[in-house]
Amino acid sequence: IDVGFHKIAVSEAKKLGIPLVGVVDTNHSPEGIDYVIPGNDDSAKAVTLYARGIADAILEGRSNAVNDVVKAVSETGDEFVEVKEGAAA
């Protein structure tokens, strides 16, 4: 969360080509951070807010992806029939 405190993690991620998302306060530079979240990185309440927002966005994205797949499958008109083994045709 705190890009100033976690300088080593930032440099290691850059070496490995891992994109970085970071909360950047006014007392640190956003240099090296790919996706900057401007805000207070010292407050536990603020960090909780950021984590909750990110988690909610991930869950919403997953839900939308599942809904898109269900919609695409239902639009094809294919019907699935369950066949029990040993049942006479």
N, C-alpha and C. Protein backbone atom coordinates (compact mmCIF):
# COMPACT_ATOMS: atom_id res chain seq x y z
N ILE A 1 0.83 -1.19 0.00
CA ILE A 1 0.00 0.00 0.00
C ILE A 1 0.87 1.25 0.00
N ASP A 2 1.80 1.36 0.91
CA ASP A 2 2.65 2.55 1.03
C ASP A 2 3.87 2.37 0.13
N VAL A 3 3.90 3.07 -1.01
CA VAL A 3 4.99 2.89 -1.97
C VAL A 3 6.33 3.36 -1.43
N GLY A 4 6.33 4.29 -0.50
CA GLY A 4 7.57 4.74 0.10
C GLY A 4 8.15 3.70 1.04
N PHE A 5 7.32 3.08 1.82
CA PHE A 5 7.75 2.07 2.79
C PHE A 5 8.15 0.77 2.09
N HIS A 6 7.49 0.44 0.99
CA HIS A 6 7.73 -0.82 0.28
C HIS A 6 8.55 -0.60 -0.99
N LYS A 7 9.60 0.21 -0.90
CA LYS A 7 10.44 0.51 -2.06
C LYS A 7 11.07 -0.74 -2.66
N ILE A 8 11.48 -1.67 -1.82
CA ILE A 8 12.12 -2.89 -2.31
C ILE A 8 11.12 -3.73 -3.10
N ALA A 9 9.90 -3.84 -2.61
CA ALA A 9 8.87 -4.60 -3.33
C ALA A 9 8.56 -3.96 -4.67
N VAL A 10 8.54 -2.63 -4.71
CA VAL A 10 8.28 -1.91 -5.96
C VAL A 10 9.39 -2.20 -6.96
N SER A 11 10.64 -2.12 -6.52
CA SER A 11 11.75 -2.36 -7.45
C SER A 11 11.79 -3.82 -7.92
N GLU A 12 11.48 -4.76 -7.04
CA GLU A 12 11.45 -6.18 -7.43
C GLU A 12 10.34 -6.44 -8.44
N ALA A 13 9.18 -5.86 -8.23
CA ALA A 13 8.07 -6.04 -9.18
C ALA A 13 8.43 -5.46 -10.54
N LYS A 14 9.10 -4.32 -10.53
CA LYS A 14 9.51 -3.70 -11.80
C LYS A 14 10.50 -4.61 -12.53
N LYS A 15 11.45 -5.20 -11.80
CA LYS A 15 12.43 -6.10 -12.42
C LYS A 15 11.74 -7.31 -13.05
N LEU A 16 10.67 -7.78 -12.41
CA LEU A 16 9.96 -8.96 -12.91
C LEU A 16 8.88 -8.63 -13.93
N GLY A 17 8.66 -7.34 -14.18
CA GLY A 17 7.65 -6.93 -15.16
C GLY A 17 6.23 -7.04 -14.65
N ILE A 18 6.06 -7.00 -13.34
CA ILE A 18 4.73 -7.10 -12.74
C ILE A 18 4.13 -5.70 -12.64
N PRO A 19 2.95 -5.47 -13.23
CA PRO A 19 2.31 -4.15 -13.13
C PRO A 19 1.95 -3.85 -11.67
N LEU A 20 2.14 -2.61 -11.28
CA LEU A 20 1.91 -2.21 -9.89
C LEU A 20 0.71 -1.30 -9.75
N VAL A 21 -0.10 -1.60 -8.75
CA VAL A 21 -1.18 -0.72 -8.32
C VAL A 21 -0.78 -0.25 -6.95
N GLY A 22 -0.75 1.08 -6.74
CA GLY A 22 -0.31 1.57 -5.44
C GLY A 22 -1.03 2.81 -5.00
N VAL A 23 -1.22 2.91 -3.70
CA VAL A 23 -1.77 4.12 -3.09
C VAL A 23 -0.60 5.06 -2.88
N VAL A 24 -0.67 6.25 -3.48
CA VAL A 24 0.43 7.20 -3.40
C VAL A 24 -0.05 8.45 -2.68
N ASP A 25 0.60 8.73 -1.57
CA ASP A 25 0.32 9.92 -0.76
C ASP A 25 1.12 11.09 -1.33
N THR A 26 0.85 12.29 -0.86
CA THR A 26 1.55 13.47 -1.37
C THR A 26 3.01 13.50 -0.98
N ASN A 27 3.42 12.69 -0.01
CA ASN A 27 4.81 12.70 0.41
C ASN A 27 5.68 11.68 -0.34
N HIS A 28 5.13 11.04 -1.39
CA HIS A 28 5.90 10.08 -2.19
C HIS A 28 5.65 10.33 -3.67
N SER A 29 6.60 9.88 -4.47
CA SER A 29 6.49 10.03 -5.92
C SER A 29 5.77 8.82 -6.52
N PRO A 30 4.92 9.05 -7.52
CA PRO A 30 4.24 7.93 -8.18
C PRO A 30 5.12 7.23 -9.21
N GLU A 31 6.39 7.63 -9.29
CA GLU A 31 7.31 7.04 -10.27
C GLU A 31 7.44 5.54 -10.04
N GLY A 32 7.28 4.78 -11.10
CA GLY A 32 7.39 3.33 -11.02
C GLY A 32 6.08 2.62 -10.76
N ILE A 33 5.03 3.36 -10.46
CA ILE A 33 3.72 2.76 -10.19
C ILE A 33 2.90 2.85 -11.48
N ASP A 34 2.38 1.73 -11.93
CA ASP A 34 1.62 1.70 -13.19
C ASP A 34 0.21 2.26 -13.02
N TYR A 35 -0.43 1.93 -11.92
CA TYR A 35 -1.80 2.37 -11.66
C TYR A 35 -1.83 3.05 -10.29
N VAL A 36 -1.91 4.36 -10.31
CA VAL A 36 -1.82 5.16 -9.09
C VAL A 36 -3.21 5.40 -8.50
N ILE A 37 -3.34 5.12 -7.21
CA ILE A 37 -4.53 5.48 -6.45
C ILE A 37 -4.11 6.62 -5.53
N PRO A 38 -4.51 7.85 -5.84
CA PRO A 38 -4.10 8.96 -4.97
C PRO A 38 -4.87 8.92 -3.66
N GLY A 39 -4.17 8.98 -2.56
CA GLY A 39 -4.87 8.96 -1.28
C GLY A 39 -3.94 8.76 -0.11
N ASN A 40 -4.54 8.72 1.06
CA ASN A 40 -3.81 8.57 2.32
C ASN A 40 -3.44 7.11 2.52
N ASP A 41 -2.15 6.85 2.62
CA ASP A 41 -1.70 5.48 2.82
C ASP A 41 -1.31 5.20 4.27
N ASP A 42 -1.54 6.16 5.16
CA ASP A 42 -1.15 6.01 6.56
C ASP A 42 -2.30 5.59 7.46
N SER A 43 -3.51 5.79 7.03
CA SER A 43 -4.68 5.52 7.85
C SER A 43 -5.21 4.11 7.61
N ALA A 44 -5.44 3.38 8.70
CA ALA A 44 -5.98 2.03 8.59
C ALA A 44 -7.38 2.05 7.98
N LYS A 45 -8.16 3.08 8.31
CA LYS A 45 -9.51 3.18 7.74
C LYS A 45 -9.45 3.41 6.24
N ALA A 46 -8.50 4.22 5.80
CA ALA A 46 -8.36 4.48 4.37
C ALA A 46 -7.94 3.21 3.63
N VAL A 47 -7.00 2.47 4.19
CA VAL A 47 -6.55 1.23 3.57
C VAL A 47 -7.69 0.23 3.49
N THR A 48 -8.50 0.16 4.54
CA THR A 48 -9.68 -0.71 4.54
C THR A 48 -10.64 -0.31 3.43
N LEU A 49 -10.84 0.98 3.26
CA LEU A 49 -11.72 1.49 2.21
C LEU A 49 -11.20 1.10 0.83
N TYR A 50 -9.88 1.26 0.60
CA TYR A 50 -9.31 0.90 -0.70
C TYR A 50 -9.46 -0.60 -0.96
N ALA A 51 -9.15 -1.41 0.05
CA ALA A 51 -9.23 -2.86 -0.12
C ALA A 51 -10.67 -3.31 -0.39
N ARG A 52 -11.62 -2.71 0.33
CA ARG A 52 -13.02 -3.06 0.12
C ARG A 52 -13.48 -2.65 -1.28
N GLY A 53 -13.07 -1.48 -1.73
CA GLY A 53 -13.45 -1.02 -3.07
C GLY A 53 -12.88 -1.91 -4.16
N ILE A 54 -11.62 -2.31 -4.01
CA ILE A 54 -11.00 -3.18 -4.99
C ILE A 54 -11.66 -4.56 -4.99
N ALA A 55 -11.93 -5.10 -3.80
CA ALA A 55 -12.59 -6.41 -3.71
C ALA A 55 -13.98 -6.36 -4.32
N ASP A 56 -14.74 -5.30 -4.05
CA ASP A 56 -16.07 -5.17 -4.63
C ASP A 56 -16.01 -5.11 -6.15
N ALA A 57 -15.02 -4.38 -6.69
CA ALA A 57 -14.88 -4.28 -8.14
C ALA A 57 -14.55 -5.63 -8.76
N ILE A 58 -13.71 -6.41 -8.09
CA ILE A 58 -13.36 -7.74 -8.59
C ILE A 58 -14.59 -8.64 -8.60
N LEU A 59 -15.35 -8.63 -7.50
CA LEU A 59 -16.55 -9.46 -7.43
C LEU A 59 -17.58 -9.05 -8.48
N GLU A 60 -17.74 -7.75 -8.69
CA GLU A 60 -18.68 -7.27 -9.71
C GLU A 60 -18.23 -7.70 -11.10
N GLY A 61 -16.94 -7.60 -11.37
CA GLY A 61 -16.41 -8.02 -12.66
C GLY A 61 -16.62 -9.50 -12.91
N ARG A 62 -16.38 -10.32 -11.90
CA ARG A 62 -16.61 -11.76 -12.03
C ARG A 62 -18.08 -12.06 -12.30
N SER A 63 -18.95 -11.38 -11.58
CA SER A 63 -20.39 -11.59 -11.75
C SER A 63 -20.81 -11.21 -13.16
N ASN A 64 -20.31 -10.09 -13.65
CA ASN A 64 -20.64 -9.66 -15.01
C ASN A 64 -20.13 -10.65 -16.04
N ALA A 65 -18.95 -11.20 -15.82
CA ALA A 65 -18.39 -12.18 -16.76
C ALA A 65 -19.25 -13.44 -16.79
N VAL A 66 -19.68 -13.91 -15.63
CA VAL A 66 -20.53 -15.10 -15.57
C VAL A 66 -21.86 -14.82 -16.25
N ASN A 67 -22.44 -13.65 -15.99
CA ASN A 67 -23.71 -13.29 -16.62
C ASN A 67 -23.58 -13.22 -18.13
N ASP A 68 -22.45 -12.72 -18.64
CA ASP A 68 -22.23 -12.65 -20.08
C ASP A 68 -22.15 -14.05 -20.69
N VAL A 69 -21.51 -14.97 -20.01
CA VAL A 69 -21.42 -16.35 -20.51
C VAL A 69 -22.79 -17.00 -20.52
N VAL A 70 -23.55 -16.83 -19.45
CA VAL A 70 -24.90 -17.41 -19.38
C VAL A 70 -25.77 -16.83 -20.49
N LYS A 71 -25.67 -15.55 -20.71
CA LYS A 71 -26.46 -14.90 -21.76
C LYS A 71 -26.06 -15.43 -23.14
N ALA A 72 -24.77 -15.58 -23.39
CA ALA A 72 -24.30 -16.07 -24.68
C ALA A 72 -24.76 -17.51 -24.92
N VAL A 73 -24.72 -18.33 -23.89
CA VAL A 73 -25.14 -19.72 -24.03
C VAL A 73 -26.65 -19.79 -24.26
N SER A 74 -27.41 -18.98 -23.55
CA SER A 74 -28.87 -19.03 -23.69
C SER A 74 -29.33 -18.49 -25.04
N GLU A 75 -28.55 -17.62 -25.66
CA GLU A 75 -28.93 -17.06 -26.96
C GLU A 75 -28.66 -18.03 -28.10
N THR A 76 -27.84 -19.04 -27.88
CA THR A 76 -27.52 -19.97 -28.97
C THR A 76 -28.68 -20.90 -29.28
N GLY A 77 -29.57 -21.07 -28.34
CA GLY A 77 -30.74 -21.91 -28.57
C GLY A 77 -30.46 -23.39 -28.40
N ASP A 78 -29.26 -23.74 -28.03
CA ASP A 78 -28.94 -25.14 -27.79
C ASP A 78 -29.64 -25.61 -26.53
N GLU A 79 -30.20 -26.82 -26.63
CA GLU A 79 -30.83 -27.40 -25.46
C GLU A 79 -29.99 -28.56 -24.99
N PHE A 80 -29.82 -28.64 -23.71
CA PHE A 80 -29.06 -29.73 -23.13
C PHE A 80 -30.03 -30.73 -22.54
N VAL A 81 -29.80 -31.99 -22.85
CA VAL A 81 -30.65 -33.05 -22.34
C VAL A 81 -29.78 -33.96 -21.50
N GLU A 82 -30.22 -34.21 -20.28
CA GLU A 82 -29.47 -35.10 -19.41
C GLU A 82 -29.87 -36.53 -19.72
N VAL A 83 -28.89 -37.36 -19.96
CA VAL A 83 -29.12 -38.76 -20.27
C VAL A 83 -28.55 -39.58 -19.14
N LYS A 84 -29.41 -40.41 -18.55
CA LYS A 84 -28.95 -41.27 -17.46
C LYS A 84 -28.41 -42.55 -18.06
N GLU A 85 -27.34 -43.02 -17.50
CA GLU A 85 -26.72 -44.24 -17.99
C GLU A 85 -27.65 -45.42 -17.75
N GLY A 86 -27.81 -46.26 -18.76
CA GLY A 86 -28.66 -47.43 -18.65
C GLY A 86 -30.12 -47.16 -18.98
N ALA A 87 -30.45 -45.94 -19.32
CA ALA A 87 -31.84 -45.61 -19.67
C ALA A 87 -32.10 -46.05 -21.11
N ALA A 88 -33.28 -46.58 -21.35
CA ALA A 88 -33.66 -47.02 -22.70
C ALA A 88 -34.01 -45.82 -23.54
N ALA A 89 -33.60 -45.87 -24.81
CA ALA A 89 -33.86 -44.75 -25.69
C ALA A 89 -35.16 -44.88 -26.40
